[in-house]
Amino acid sequence: MPRGLPQRAAGPVAPAAPPRDTRKVLAFAADAVMIVVLVAAGVFLGELLAGKSTREVWADAGSSVLFPPVDLLMWLSPPVLFVLVYTLLISRGRSVGARLRKTD
């Protein structure tokens, strides 16, 4: 080895960061899972709010004189609210997927 050149210290090599494409796919999948979870939680809250099961709400909606019936609107409001708030978080870069994308 020529004189004057510094020698490298032998030590563990730091693991490479995952490729950018993998992070994007993981972030998209995390946001999709969160939306599904929020819709499921919203449907549960909608059932409590309407006082009927989902099957009853949809059966009554099909045979209702006035459309949309109040029960359907009460059942549908929590899932729609949750999804709209989460899409706002996605657009602001504060969602679960955005946090996974930024992780180094």
PDB file of N, CA and C in Angstrom:
ATOM      1  N   MET A   1       0.841  -1.169   0.000  1.00  0.00           N
ATOM      2  CA  MET A   1       0.000   0.000   0.000  1.00  0.00           C
ATOM      3  C   MET A   1       0.889   1.235   0.000  1.00  0.00           C
ATOM      4  N   PRO A   2       0.611   2.207  -0.851  1.00  0.00           N
ATOM      5  CA  PRO A   2       1.441   3.408  -0.919  1.00  0.00           C
ATOM      6  C   PRO A   2       1.352   4.205   0.370  1.00  0.00           C
ATOM      7  N   ARG A   3       2.410   4.923   0.613  1.00  0.00           N
ATOM      8  CA  ARG A   3       2.477   5.740   1.817  1.00  0.00           C
ATOM      9  C   ARG A   3       1.556   6.948   1.718  1.00  0.00           C
ATOM     10  N   GLY A   4       1.041   7.409   2.863  1.00  0.00           N
ATOM     11  CA  GLY A   4       0.243   8.613   2.909  1.00  0.00           C
ATOM     12  C   GLY A   4      -1.260   8.383   2.725  1.00  0.00           C
ATOM     13  N   LEU A   5      -1.662   7.179   2.355  1.00  0.00           N
ATOM     14  CA  LEU A   5      -3.089   6.908   2.204  1.00  0.00           C
ATOM     15  C   LEU A   5      -3.640   6.334   3.511  1.00  0.00           C
ATOM     16  N   PRO A   6      -4.763   6.850   3.969  1.00  0.00           N
ATOM     17  CA  PRO A   6      -5.318   6.323   5.225  1.00  0.00           C
ATOM     18  C   PRO A   6      -5.899   4.924   5.009  1.00  0.00           C
ATOM     19  N   GLN A   7      -5.783   4.108   6.021  1.00  0.00           N
ATOM     20  CA  GLN A   7      -6.335   2.763   5.941  1.00  0.00           C
ATOM     21  C   GLN A   7      -7.745   2.768   6.528  1.00  0.00           C
ATOM     22  N   ARG A   8      -8.580   1.925   5.966  1.00  0.00           N
ATOM     23  CA  ARG A   8      -9.949   1.817   6.468  1.00  0.00           C
ATOM     24  C   ARG A   8      -9.971   0.965   7.718  1.00  0.00           C
ATOM     25  N   ALA A   9     -10.812   1.363   8.623  1.00  0.00           N
ATOM     26  CA  ALA A   9     -10.978   0.572   9.842  1.00  0.00           C
ATOM     27  C   ALA A   9     -11.890  -0.608   9.527  1.00  0.00           C
ATOM     28  N   ALA A  10     -11.466  -1.773   9.966  1.00  0.00           N
ATOM     29  CA  ALA A  10     -12.279  -2.962   9.740  1.00  0.00           C
ATOM     30  C   ALA A  10     -13.412  -2.958  10.756  1.00  0.00           C
ATOM     31  N   GLY A  11     -14.630  -3.021  10.280  1.00  0.00           N
ATOM     32  CA  GLY A  11     -15.791  -3.008  11.176  1.00  0.00           C
ATOM     33  C   GLY A  11     -17.013  -3.463  10.415  1.00  0.00           C
ATOM     34  N   PRO A  12     -18.104  -3.530  11.109  1.00  0.00           N
ATOM     35  CA  PRO A  12     -19.338  -3.975  10.450  1.00  0.00           C
ATOM     36  C   PRO A  12     -19.801  -2.944   9.415  1.00  0.00           C
ATOM     37  N   VAL A  13     -20.340  -3.468   8.355  1.00  0.00           N
ATOM     38  CA  VAL A  13     -20.853  -2.615   7.290  1.00  0.00           C
ATOM     39  C   VAL A  13     -22.320  -2.311   7.595  1.00  0.00           C
ATOM     40  N   ALA A  14     -22.693  -1.059   7.468  1.00  0.00           N
ATOM     41  CA  ALA A  14     -24.082  -0.662   7.743  1.00  0.00           C
ATOM     42  C   ALA A  14     -24.991  -1.254   6.667  1.00  0.00           C
ATOM     43  N   PRO A  15     -26.159  -1.758   7.057  1.00  0.00           N
ATOM     44  CA  PRO A  15     -27.078  -2.316   6.054  1.00  0.00           C
ATOM     45  C   PRO A  15     -27.598  -1.212   5.137  1.00  0.00           C
ATOM     46  N   ALA A  16     -27.776  -1.584   3.907  1.00  0.00           N
ATOM     47  CA  ALA A  16     -28.262  -0.615   2.926  1.00  0.00           C
ATOM     48  C   ALA A  16     -29.745  -0.358   3.171  1.00  0.00           C
ATOM     49  N   ALA A  17     -30.172   0.866   2.891  1.00  0.00           N
ATOM     50  CA  ALA A  17     -31.588   1.223   3.022  1.00  0.00           C
ATOM     51  C   ALA A  17     -32.376   0.490   1.946  1.00  0.00           C
ATOM     52  N   PRO A  18     -33.627   0.137   2.246  1.00  0.00           N
ATOM     53  CA  PRO A  18     -34.422  -0.552   1.226  1.00  0.00           C
ATOM     54  C   PRO A  18     -34.638   0.348   0.012  1.00  0.00           C
ATOM     55  N   PRO A  19     -34.794  -0.246  -1.142  1.00  0.00           N
ATOM     56  CA  PRO A  19     -34.987   0.570  -2.338  1.00  0.00           C
ATOM     57  C   PRO A  19     -36.229   1.440  -2.224  1.00  0.00           C
ATOM     58  N   ARG A  20     -36.220   2.539  -2.946  1.00  0.00           N
ATOM     59  CA  ARG A  20     -37.313   3.501  -2.897  1.00  0.00           C
ATOM     60  C   ARG A  20     -38.640   2.879  -3.339  1.00  0.00           C
ATOM     61  N   ASP A  21     -38.601   2.003  -4.333  1.00  0.00           N
ATOM     62  CA  ASP A  21     -39.820   1.392  -4.828  1.00  0.00           C
ATOM     63  C   ASP A  21     -40.491   0.525  -3.758  1.00  0.00           C
ATOM     64  N   THR A  22     -39.682  -0.155  -2.970  1.00  0.00           N
ATOM     65  CA  THR A  22     -40.224  -0.994  -1.909  1.00  0.00           C
ATOM     66  C   THR A  22     -40.936  -0.142  -0.871  1.00  0.00           C
ATOM     67  N   ARG A  23     -40.365   1.000  -0.546  1.00  0.00           N
ATOM     68  CA  ARG A  23     -40.996   1.897   0.413  1.00  0.00           C
ATOM     69  C   ARG A  23     -42.316   2.442  -0.114  1.00  0.00           C
ATOM     70  N   LYS A  24     -42.362   2.761  -1.405  1.00  0.00           N
ATOM     71  CA  LYS A  24     -43.600   3.281  -1.982  1.00  0.00           C
ATOM     72  C   LYS A  24     -44.708   2.235  -1.938  1.00  0.00           C
ATOM     73  N   VAL A  25     -44.362   1.004  -2.273  1.00  0.00           N
ATOM     74  CA  VAL A  25     -45.354  -0.072  -2.245  1.00  0.00           C
ATOM     75  C   VAL A  25     -45.809  -0.322  -0.819  1.00  0.00           C
ATOM     76  N   LEU A  26     -44.880  -0.339   0.120  1.00  0.00           N
ATOM     77  CA  LEU A  26     -45.211  -0.551   1.521  1.00  0.00           C
ATOM     78  C   LEU A  26     -46.090   0.585   2.048  1.00  0.00           C
ATOM     79  N   ALA A  27     -45.771   1.808   1.663  1.00  0.00           N
ATOM     80  CA  ALA A  27     -46.567   2.958   2.100  1.00  0.00           C
ATOM     81  C   ALA A  27     -47.973   2.897   1.526  1.00  0.00           C
ATOM     82  N   PHE A  28     -48.098   2.530   0.263  1.00  0.00           N
ATOM     83  CA  PHE A  28     -49.411   2.399  -0.359  1.00  0.00           C
ATOM     84  C   PHE A  28     -50.220   1.298   0.319  1.00  0.00           C
ATOM     85  N   ALA A  29     -49.579   0.177   0.601  1.00  0.00           N
ATOM     86  CA  ALA A  29     -50.267  -0.933   1.256  1.00  0.00           C
ATOM     87  C   ALA A  29     -50.705  -0.550   2.669  1.00  0.00           C
ATOM     88  N   ALA A  30     -49.865   0.183   3.385  1.00  0.00           N
ATOM     89  CA  ALA A  30     -50.221   0.612   4.739  1.00  0.00           C
ATOM     90  C   ALA A  30     -51.420   1.560   4.709  1.00  0.00           C
ATOM     91  N   ASP A  31     -51.448   2.482   3.755  1.00  0.00           N
ATOM     92  CA  ASP A  31     -52.595   3.387   3.641  1.00  0.00           C
ATOM     93  C   ASP A  31     -53.859   2.628   3.258  1.00  0.00           C
ATOM     94  N   ALA A  32     -53.741   1.652   2.378  1.00  0.00           N
ATOM     95  CA  ALA A  32     -54.911   0.858   1.984  1.00  0.00           C
ATOM     96  C   ALA A  32     -55.451   0.068   3.168  1.00  0.00           C
ATOM     97  N   VAL A  33     -54.572  -0.519   3.961  1.00  0.00           N
ATOM     98  CA  VAL A  33     -54.999  -1.279   5.141  1.00  0.00           C
ATOM     99  C   VAL A  33     -55.673  -0.345   6.149  1.00  0.00           C
ATOM    100  N   MET A  34     -55.115   0.842   6.326  1.00  0.00           N
ATOM    101  CA  MET A  34     -55.713   1.797   7.256  1.00  0.00           C
ATOM    102  C   MET A  34     -57.106   2.212   6.805  1.00  0.00           C
ATOM    103  N   ILE A  35     -57.296   2.407   5.512  1.00  0.00           N
ATOM    104  CA  ILE A  35     -58.619   2.786   5.008  1.00  0.00           C
ATOM    105  C   ILE A  35     -59.616   1.657   5.249  1.00  0.00           C
ATOM    106  N   VAL A  36     -59.204   0.423   5.022  1.00  0.00           N
ATOM    107  CA  VAL A  36     -60.103  -0.715   5.263  1.00  0.00           C
ATOM    108  C   VAL A  36     -60.463  -0.801   6.744  1.00  0.00           C
ATOM    109  N   VAL A  37     -59.492  -0.606   7.621  1.00  0.00           N
ATOM    110  CA  VAL A  37     -59.756  -0.647   9.062  1.00  0.00           C
ATOM    111  C   VAL A  37     -60.701   0.479   9.468  1.00  0.00           C
ATOM    112  N   LEU A  38     -60.475   1.673   8.923  1.00  0.00           N
ATOM    113  CA  LEU A  38     -61.345   2.802   9.253  1.00  0.00           C
ATOM    114  C   LEU A  38     -62.766   2.602   8.735  1.00  0.00           C
ATOM    115  N   VAL A  39     -62.912   2.011   7.560  1.00  0.00           N
ATOM    116  CA  VAL A  39     -64.254   1.726   7.036  1.00  0.00           C
ATOM    117  C   VAL A  39     -64.946   0.694   7.923  1.00  0.00           C
ATOM    118  N   ALA A  40     -64.225  -0.336   8.344  1.00  0.00           N
ATOM    119  CA  ALA A  40     -64.814  -1.353   9.222  1.00  0.00           C
ATOM    120  C   ALA A  40     -65.244  -0.735  10.554  1.00  0.00           C
ATOM    121  N   ALA A  41     -64.408   0.112  11.127  1.00  0.00           N
ATOM    122  CA  ALA A  41     -64.773   0.785  12.378  1.00  0.00           C
ATOM    123  C   ALA A  41     -65.962   1.720  12.161  1.00  0.00           C
ATOM    124  N   GLY A  42     -65.994   2.392  11.023  1.00  0.00           N
ATOM    125  CA  GLY A  42     -67.111   3.281  10.720  1.00  0.00           C
ATOM    126  C   GLY A  42     -68.414   2.526  10.531  1.00  0.00           C
ATOM    127  N   VAL A  43     -68.356   1.367   9.906  1.00  0.00           N
ATOM    128  CA  VAL A  43     -69.563   0.552   9.739  1.00  0.00           C
ATOM    129  C   VAL A  43     -70.072   0.089  11.103  1.00  0.00           C
ATOM    130  N   PHE A  44     -69.173  -0.301  11.975  1.00  0.00           N
ATOM    131  CA  PHE A  44     -69.579  -0.708  13.323  1.00  0.00           C
ATOM    132  C   PHE A  44     -70.255   0.453  14.050  1.00  0.00           C
ATOM    133  N   LEU A  45     -69.649   1.644  13.983  1.00  0.00           N
ATOM    134  CA  LEU A  45     -70.260   2.808  14.622  1.00  0.00           C
ATOM    135  C   LEU A  45     -71.573   3.196  13.951  1.00  0.00           C
ATOM    136  N   GLY A  46     -71.649   3.011  12.643  1.00  0.00           N
ATOM    137  CA  GLY A  46     -72.893   3.287  11.934  1.00  0.00           C
ATOM    138  C   GLY A  46     -74.014   2.370  12.364  1.00  0.00           C
ATOM    139  N   GLU A  47     -73.683   1.104  12.615  1.00  0.00           N
ATOM    140  CA  GLU A  47     -74.694   0.174  13.123  1.00  0.00           C
ATOM    141  C   GLU A  47     -75.191   0.608  14.490  1.00  0.00           C
ATOM    142  N   LEU A  48     -74.281   1.058  15.339  1.00  0.00           N
ATOM    143  CA  LEU A  48     -74.697   1.552  16.653  1.00  0.00           C
ATOM    144  C   LEU A  48     -75.554   2.804  16.525  1.00  0.00           C
ATOM    145  N   LEU A  49     -75.175   3.679  15.615  1.00  0.00           N
ATOM    146  CA  LEU A  49     -75.908   4.925  15.427  1.00  0.00           C
ATOM    147  C   LEU A  49     -77.296   4.682  14.847  1.00  0.00           C
ATOM    148  N   ALA A  50     -77.396   3.809  13.869  1.00  0.00           N
ATOM    149  CA  ALA A  50     -78.687   3.522  13.244  1.00  0.00           C
ATOM    150  C   ALA A  50     -79.554   2.604  14.092  1.00  0.00           C
ATOM    151  N   GLY A  51     -78.941   1.834  14.962  1.00  0.00           N
ATOM    152  CA  GLY A  51     -79.695   0.907  15.793  1.00  0.00           C
ATOM    153  C   GLY A  51     -80.138  -0.338  15.043  1.00  0.00           C
ATOM    154  N   LYS A  52     -79.556  -0.583  13.883  1.00  0.00           N
ATOM    155  CA  LYS A  52     -79.894  -1.752  13.074  1.00  0.00           C
ATOM    156  C   LYS A  52     -78.605  -2.366  12.549  1.00  0.00           C
ATOM    157  N   SER A  53     -78.701  -3.631  12.145  1.00  0.00           N
ATOM    158  CA  SER A  53     -77.539  -4.259  11.523  1.00  0.00           C
ATOM    159  C   SER A  53     -77.399  -3.762  10.086  1.00  0.00           C
ATOM    160  N   THR A  54     -76.256  -4.017   9.514  1.00  0.00           N
ATOM    161  CA  THR A  54     -76.003  -3.588   8.138  1.00  0.00           C
ATOM    162  C   THR A  54     -76.989  -4.239   7.177  1.00  0.00           C
ATOM    163  N   ARG A  55     -77.277  -5.502   7.384  1.00  0.00           N
ATOM    164  CA  ARG A  55     -78.225  -6.204   6.516  1.00  0.00           C
ATOM    165  C   ARG A  55     -79.607  -5.562   6.575  1.00  0.00           C
ATOM    166  N   GLU A  56     -80.060  -5.196   7.780  1.00  0.00           N
ATOM    167  CA  GLU A  56     -81.366  -4.549   7.913  1.00  0.00           C
ATOM    168  C   GLU A  56     -81.389  -3.176   7.249  1.00  0.00           C
ATOM    169  N   VAL A  57     -80.304  -2.430   7.403  1.00  0.00           N
ATOM    170  CA  VAL A  57     -80.243  -1.090   6.806  1.00  0.00           C
ATOM    171  C   VAL A  57     -80.347  -1.189   5.290  1.00  0.00           C
ATOM    172  N   TRP A  58     -79.584  -2.103   4.686  1.00  0.00           N
ATOM    173  CA  TRP A  58     -79.608  -2.229   3.224  1.00  0.00           C
ATOM    174  C   TRP A  58     -80.930  -2.814   2.731  1.00  0.00           C
ATOM    175  N   ALA A  59     -81.538  -3.733   3.490  1.00  0.00           N
ATOM    176  CA  ALA A  59     -82.829  -4.295   3.085  1.00  0.00           C
ATOM    177  C   ALA A  59     -83.920  -3.231   3.131  1.00  0.00           C
ATOM    178  N   ASP A  60     -83.896  -2.401   4.182  1.00  0.00           N
ATOM    179  CA  ASP A  60     -84.882  -1.336   4.287  1.00  0.00           C
ATOM    180  C   ASP A  60     -84.648  -0.232   3.256  1.00  0.00           C
ATOM    181  N   ALA A  61     -83.412  -0.026   2.860  1.00  0.00           N
ATOM    182  CA  ALA A  61     -83.110   1.020   1.886  1.00  0.00           C
ATOM    183  C   ALA A  61     -83.686   0.672   0.518  1.00  0.00           C
ATOM    184  N   GLY A  62     -83.711  -0.609   0.188  1.00  0.00           N
ATOM    185  CA  GLY A  62     -84.229  -1.017  -1.115  1.00  0.00           C
ATOM    186  C   GLY A  62     -85.734  -0.899  -1.223  1.00  0.00           C
ATOM    187  N   SER A  63     -86.429  -1.024  -0.098  1.00  0.00           N
ATOM    188  CA  SER A  63     -87.887  -0.980  -0.140  1.00  0.00           C
ATOM    189  C   SER A  63     -88.457   0.322   0.424  1.00  0.00           C
ATOM    190  N   SER A  64     -87.608   1.312   0.594  1.00  0.00           N
ATOM    191  CA  SER A  64     -88.043   2.576   1.162  1.00  0.00           C
ATOM    192  C   SER A  64     -88.776   3.421   0.125  1.00  0.00           C
ATOM    193  N   VAL A  65     -89.777   4.147   0.585  1.00  0.00           N
ATOM    194  CA  VAL A  65     -90.519   5.043  -0.305  1.00  0.00           C
ATOM    195  C   VAL A  65     -89.659   6.247  -0.666  1.00  0.00           C
ATOM    196  N   LEU A  66     -89.021   6.809   0.323  1.00  0.00           N
ATOM    197  CA  LEU A  66     -88.123   7.941   0.094  1.00  0.00           C
ATOM    198  C   LEU A  66     -86.690   7.432   0.093  1.00  0.00           C
ATOM    199  N   PHE A  67     -85.923   7.853  -0.896  1.00  0.00           N
ATOM    200  CA  PHE A  67     -84.523   7.430  -0.940  1.00  0.00           C
ATOM    201  C   PHE A  67     -83.652   8.657  -0.847  1.00  0.00           C
ATOM    202  N   PRO A  68     -82.641   8.708  -0.089  1.00  0.00           N
ATOM    203  CA  PRO A  68     -82.124   7.714   0.850  1.00  0.00           C
ATOM    204  C   PRO A  68     -82.839   7.794   2.186  1.00  0.00           C
ATOM    205  N   PRO A  69     -83.099   6.662   2.791  1.00  0.00           N
ATOM    206  CA  PRO A  69     -83.737   6.679   4.110  1.00  0.00           C
ATOM    207  C   PRO A  69     -82.769   7.187   5.181  1.00  0.00           C
ATOM    208  N   VAL A  70     -83.338   7.659   6.258  1.00  0.00           N
ATOM    209  CA  VAL A  70     -82.540   8.242   7.347  1.00  0.00           C
ATOM    210  C   VAL A  70     -81.602   7.199   7.941  1.00  0.00           C
ATOM    211  N   ASP A  71     -82.062   5.963   8.076  1.00  0.00           N
ATOM    212  CA  ASP A  71     -81.211   4.906   8.634  1.00  0.00           C
ATOM    213  C   ASP A  71     -79.963   4.687   7.783  1.00  0.00           C
ATOM    214  N   LEU A  72     -80.116   4.731   6.474  1.00  0.00           N
ATOM    215  CA  LEU A  72     -78.966   4.560   5.585  1.00  0.00           C
ATOM    216  C   LEU A  72     -77.987   5.711   5.738  1.00  0.00           C
ATOM    217  N   LEU A  73     -78.494   6.925   5.853  1.00  0.00           N
ATOM    218  CA  LEU A  73     -77.617   8.084   6.033  1.00  0.00           C
ATOM    219  C   LEU A  73     -76.880   8.019   7.365  1.00  0.00           C
ATOM    220  N   MET A  74     -77.576   7.592   8.417  1.00  0.00           N
ATOM    221  CA  MET A  74     -76.909   7.471   9.715  1.00  0.00           C
ATOM    222  C   MET A  74     -75.874   6.350   9.708  1.00  0.00           C
ATOM    223  N   TRP A  75     -76.175   5.261   8.997  1.00  0.00           N
ATOM    224  CA  TRP A  75     -75.240   4.143   8.910  1.00  0.00           C
ATOM    225  C   TRP A  75     -74.011   4.516   8.093  1.00  0.00           C
ATOM    226  N   LEU A  76     -74.202   5.324   7.061  1.00  0.00           N
ATOM    227  CA  LEU A  76     -73.126   5.647   6.131  1.00  0.00           C
ATOM    228  C   LEU A  76     -72.229   6.796   6.591  1.00  0.00           C
ATOM    229  N   SER A  77     -72.711   7.637   7.487  1.00  0.00           N
ATOM    230  CA  SER A  77     -71.943   8.828   7.849  1.00  0.00           C
ATOM    231  C   SER A  77     -70.602   8.551   8.543  1.00  0.00           C
ATOM    232  N   PRO A  78     -70.480   7.636   9.519  1.00  0.00           N
ATOM    233  CA  PRO A  78     -69.157   7.425  10.129  1.00  0.00           C
ATOM    234  C   PRO A  78     -68.092   6.904   9.161  1.00  0.00           C
ATOM    235  N   PRO A  79     -68.383   5.890   8.299  1.00  0.00           N
ATOM    236  CA  PRO A  79     -67.321   5.456   7.383  1.00  0.00           C
ATOM    237  C   PRO A  79     -66.882   6.557   6.416  1.00  0.00           C
ATOM    238  N   VAL A  80     -67.840   7.331   5.926  1.00  0.00           N
ATOM    239  CA  VAL A  80     -67.490   8.418   5.000  1.00  0.00           C
ATOM    240  C   VAL A  80     -66.640   9.464   5.708  1.00  0.00           C
ATOM    241  N   LEU A  81     -67.005   9.811   6.928  1.00  0.00           N
ATOM    242  CA  LEU A  81     -66.234  10.788   7.697  1.00  0.00           C
ATOM    243  C   LEU A  81     -64.807  10.300   7.933  1.00  0.00           C
ATOM    244  N   PHE A  82     -64.658   9.046   8.352  1.00  0.00           N
ATOM    245  CA  PHE A  82     -63.324   8.507   8.622  1.00  0.00           C
ATOM    246  C   PHE A  82     -62.452   8.488   7.370  1.00  0.00           C
ATOM    247  N   VAL A  83     -63.029   8.081   6.245  1.00  0.00           N
ATOM    248  CA  VAL A  83     -62.254   8.015   5.000  1.00  0.00           C
ATOM    249  C   VAL A  83     -61.878   9.420   4.533  1.00  0.00           C
ATOM    250  N   LEU A  84     -62.778  10.369   4.650  1.00  0.00           N
ATOM    251  CA  LEU A  84     -62.462  11.741   4.237  1.00  0.00           C
ATOM    252  C   LEU A  84     -61.358  12.349   5.102  1.00  0.00           C
ATOM    253  N   VAL A  85     -61.404  12.109   6.400  1.00  0.00           N
ATOM    254  CA  VAL A  85     -60.356  12.633   7.285  1.00  0.00           C
ATOM    255  C   VAL A  85     -59.018  11.971   6.958  1.00  0.00           C
ATOM    256  N   TYR A  86     -59.026  10.667   6.698  1.00  0.00           N
ATOM    257  CA  TYR A  86     -57.760   9.988   6.392  1.00  0.00           C
ATOM    258  C   TYR A  86     -57.196  10.437   5.044  1.00  0.00           C
ATOM    259  N   THR A  87     -58.068  10.680   4.059  1.00  0.00           N
ATOM    260  CA  THR A  87     -57.549  11.186   2.776  1.00  0.00           C
ATOM    261  C   THR A  87     -56.983  12.595   2.948  1.00  0.00           C
ATOM    262  N   LEU A  88     -57.546  13.377   3.859  1.00  0.00           N
ATOM    263  CA  LEU A  88     -56.956  14.679   4.168  1.00  0.00           C
ATOM    264  C   LEU A  88     -55.560  14.499   4.770  1.00  0.00           C
ATOM    265  N   LEU A  89     -55.421  13.532   5.666  1.00  0.00           N
ATOM    266  CA  LEU A  89     -54.102  13.260   6.240  1.00  0.00           C
ATOM    267  C   LEU A  89     -53.118  12.788   5.171  1.00  0.00           C
ATOM    268  N   ILE A  90     -53.590  11.989   4.226  1.00  0.00           N
ATOM    269  CA  ILE A  90     -52.724  11.545   3.130  1.00  0.00           C
ATOM    270  C   ILE A  90     -52.259  12.741   2.312  1.00  0.00           C
ATOM    271  N   SER A  91     -53.176  13.646   2.008  1.00  0.00           N
ATOM    272  CA  SER A  91     -52.807  14.798   1.185  1.00  0.00           C
ATOM    273  C   SER A  91     -51.862  15.746   1.919  1.00  0.00           C
ATOM    274  N   ARG A  92     -51.916  15.756   3.240  1.00  0.00           N
ATOM    275  CA  ARG A  92     -51.022  16.611   4.029  1.00  0.00           C
ATOM    276  C   ARG A  92     -49.704  15.923   4.379  1.00  0.00           C
ATOM    277  N   GLY A  93     -49.556  14.662   4.000  1.00  0.00           N
ATOM    278  CA  GLY A  93     -48.322  13.935   4.287  1.00  0.00           C
ATOM    279  C   GLY A  93     -48.202  13.483   5.725  1.00  0.00           C
ATOM    280  N   ARG A  94     -49.317  13.259   6.389  1.00  0.00           N
ATOM    281  CA  ARG A  94     -49.298  12.856   7.794  1.00  0.00           C
ATOM    282  C   ARG A  94     -49.940  11.487   8.019  1.00  0.00           C
ATOM    283  N   SER A  95     -50.049  10.705   6.977  1.00  0.00           N
ATOM    284  CA  SER A  95     -50.659   9.379   7.102  1.00  0.00           C
ATOM    285  C   SER A  95     -49.614   8.353   7.521  1.00  0.00           C
ATOM    286  N   VAL A  96     -50.069   7.136   7.753  1.00  0.00           N
ATOM    287  CA  VAL A  96     -49.158   6.043   8.118  1.00  0.00           C
ATOM    288  C   VAL A  96     -48.195   5.783   6.958  1.00  0.00           C
ATOM    289  N   GLY A  97     -48.699   5.782   5.741  1.00  0.00           N
ATOM    290  CA  GLY A  97     -47.839   5.555   4.578  1.00  0.00           C
ATOM    291  C   GLY A  97     -46.797   6.633   4.392  1.00  0.00           C
ATOM    292  N   ALA A  98     -47.153   7.878   4.671  1.00  0.00           N
ATOM    293  CA  ALA A  98     -46.179   8.964   4.558  1.00  0.00           C
ATOM    294  C   ALA A  98     -45.076   8.820   5.598  1.00  0.00           C
ATOM    295  N   ARG A  99     -45.437   8.357   6.775  1.00  0.00           N
ATOM    296  CA  ARG A  99     -44.415   8.149   7.807  1.00  0.00           C
ATOM    297  C   ARG A  99     -43.482   6.995   7.435  1.00  0.00           C
ATOM    298  N   LEU A 100     -44.035   5.955   6.815  1.00  0.00           N
ATOM    299  CA  LEU A 100     -43.186   4.850   6.388  1.00  0.00           C
ATOM    300  C   LEU A 100     -42.272   5.262   5.227  1.00  0.00           C
ATOM    301  N   ARG A 101     -42.758   6.143   4.382  1.00  0.00           N
ATOM    302  CA  ARG A 101     -41.953   6.617   3.257  1.00  0.00           C
ATOM    303  C   ARG A 101     -40.772   7.456   3.721  1.00  0.00           C
ATOM    304  N   LYS A 102     -40.955   8.205   4.812  1.00  0.00           N
ATOM    305  CA  LYS A 102     -39.912   9.105   5.314  1.00  0.00           C
ATOM    306  C   LYS A 102     -38.889   8.406   6.183  1.00  0.00           C
ATOM    307  N   THR A 103     -39.197   7.219   6.682  1.00  0.00           N
ATOM    308  CA  THR A 103     -38.304   6.510   7.598  1.00  0.00           C
ATOM    309  C   THR A 103     -37.007   6.156   6.900  1.00  0.00           C
ATOM    310  N   ASP A 104     -35.921   6.424   7.562  1.00  0.00           N
ATOM    311  CA  ASP A 104     -34.590   6.095   7.007  1.00  0.00           C
ATOM    312  C   ASP A 104     -33.973   4.937   7.712  1.00  0.00           C
TER     313      ASP A 104
END
